[in-house]
Amino acid sequence: MSKFTKQHYEDVATLLKKRSPAHPAMIMVKAVAIDFADLFATDNPACCIHCGYLEGTTDICDSSDGRIREEHLFEGGFDREQFLAACGLA
């Protein structure tokens, strides 16, 4: 279960977006936003809809119905690009 909620993501993005992208402090803000994106992505990774393994796994996709699949189908998880755009950094 994720420690963070959608509201956490939105609140952090709102705080980080307060300055103009041209403001000199935005270099540091961008670095902090990327750190938050890494934290949120680690906490809420995409997972395979067939077997439940997390994105990045090297295990075989062995679904609950007993079928072995060639590839995992990862969905969900934290969207880094969407978060950085919400921070005004994309």
Protein backbone atom coordinates (compact mmCIF):
# COMPACT_ATOMS: atom_id res chain seq x y z
CA MET A 1 0.00 0.00 0.00
CA SER A 2 1.31 3.43 -0.95
CA LYS A 3 2.28 5.89 1.78
CA PHE A 4 1.22 8.78 -0.43
CA THR A 5 -2.12 9.77 -1.96
CA LYS A 6 -3.10 11.70 -5.05
CA GLN A 7 -3.67 14.68 -2.75
CA HIS A 8 -0.05 14.47 -1.57
CA TYR A 9 1.15 14.56 -5.18
CA GLU A 10 -1.07 17.55 -5.98
CA ASP A 11 -0.07 19.48 -2.85
CA VAL A 12 3.64 19.02 -3.52
CA ALA A 13 3.21 20.04 -7.18
CA THR A 14 1.28 23.16 -6.14
CA LEU A 15 4.03 24.17 -3.71
CA LEU A 16 6.78 23.62 -6.27
CA LYS A 17 4.93 25.53 -9.00
CA LYS A 18 4.70 28.83 -7.05
CA ARG A 19 7.66 30.47 -8.80
CA SER A 20 7.99 31.43 -12.45
CA PRO A 21 10.02 28.94 -14.54
CA ALA A 22 12.39 31.84 -15.35
CA HIS A 23 13.13 32.51 -11.66
CA PRO A 24 16.74 31.56 -10.72
CA ALA A 25 15.49 29.47 -7.79
CA MET A 26 13.76 27.13 -10.24
CA ILE A 27 17.03 25.29 -10.86
CA MET A 28 16.94 24.12 -7.24
CA VAL A 29 13.17 23.64 -7.33
CA LYS A 30 13.54 21.38 -10.37
CA ALA A 31 16.11 19.26 -8.53
CA VAL A 32 13.78 18.97 -5.53
CA ALA A 33 10.82 18.13 -7.80
CA ILE A 34 12.84 15.35 -9.44
CA ASP A 35 13.73 14.01 -5.98
CA PHE A 36 10.03 13.99 -5.04
CA ALA A 37 9.19 12.28 -8.34
CA ASP A 38 11.74 9.55 -7.54
CA LEU A 39 10.31 9.13 -4.03
CA PHE A 40 6.71 8.91 -5.26
CA ALA A 41 7.61 6.53 -8.12
CA THR A 42 9.45 4.21 -5.72
CA ASP A 43 6.46 4.23 -3.39
CA ASN A 44 3.92 3.61 -6.17
CA PRO A 45 5.45 1.59 -9.05
CA ALA A 46 3.55 0.23 -12.01
CA CYS A 47 2.66 -3.45 -11.75
CA CYS A 48 1.79 -6.20 -14.21
CA ILE A 49 -1.95 -6.65 -14.64
CA HIS A 50 -1.47 -10.40 -15.15
CA CYS A 51 0.88 -11.48 -12.35
CA GLY A 52 1.18 -8.46 -10.07
CA TYR A 53 4.98 -8.19 -10.30
CA LEU A 54 6.40 -4.67 -10.11
CA GLU A 55 7.88 -2.88 -13.09
CA GLY A 56 11.56 -3.68 -13.49
CA THR A 57 11.21 -7.34 -12.55
CA THR A 58 13.13 -9.96 -14.47
CA ASP A 59 10.80 -12.75 -13.33
CA ILE A 60 8.60 -14.64 -15.80
CA CYS A 61 5.01 -13.41 -16.05
CA ASP A 62 3.06 -16.29 -14.51
CA SER A 63 -0.49 -15.09 -14.16
CA SER A 64 -3.00 -16.22 -11.55
CA ASP A 65 -4.83 -18.29 -14.19
CA GLY A 66 -1.71 -20.42 -14.67
CA ARG A 67 -0.72 -19.01 -18.06
CA ILE A 68 2.88 -18.07 -18.76
CA ARG A 69 3.14 -14.91 -20.84
CA GLU A 70 6.03 -13.69 -23.01
CA GLU A 71 5.91 -10.18 -21.54
CA HIS A 72 4.50 -8.34 -18.57
CA LEU A 73 1.83 -5.67 -19.11
CA PHE A 74 2.60 -2.90 -16.64
CA GLU A 75 -0.07 -0.36 -15.74
CA GLY A 76 -0.72 2.20 -13.06
CA GLY A 77 1.89 3.58 -10.78
CA PHE A 78 3.10 7.12 -10.30
CA ASP A 79 3.43 9.22 -13.48
CA ARG A 80 6.68 11.21 -13.26
CA GLU A 81 6.06 13.28 -16.39
CA GLN A 82 2.57 14.28 -15.29
CA PHE A 83 3.90 15.29 -11.87
CA LEU A 84 6.74 17.39 -13.33
CA ALA A 85 4.25 19.08 -15.68
CA ALA A 86 2.01 19.85 -12.70
CA CYS A 87 5.06 21.42 -11.02
CA GLY A 88 5.49 23.65 -14.08
CA LEU A 89 8.73 21.92 -15.05
CA ALA A 90 7.85 19.94 -18.17
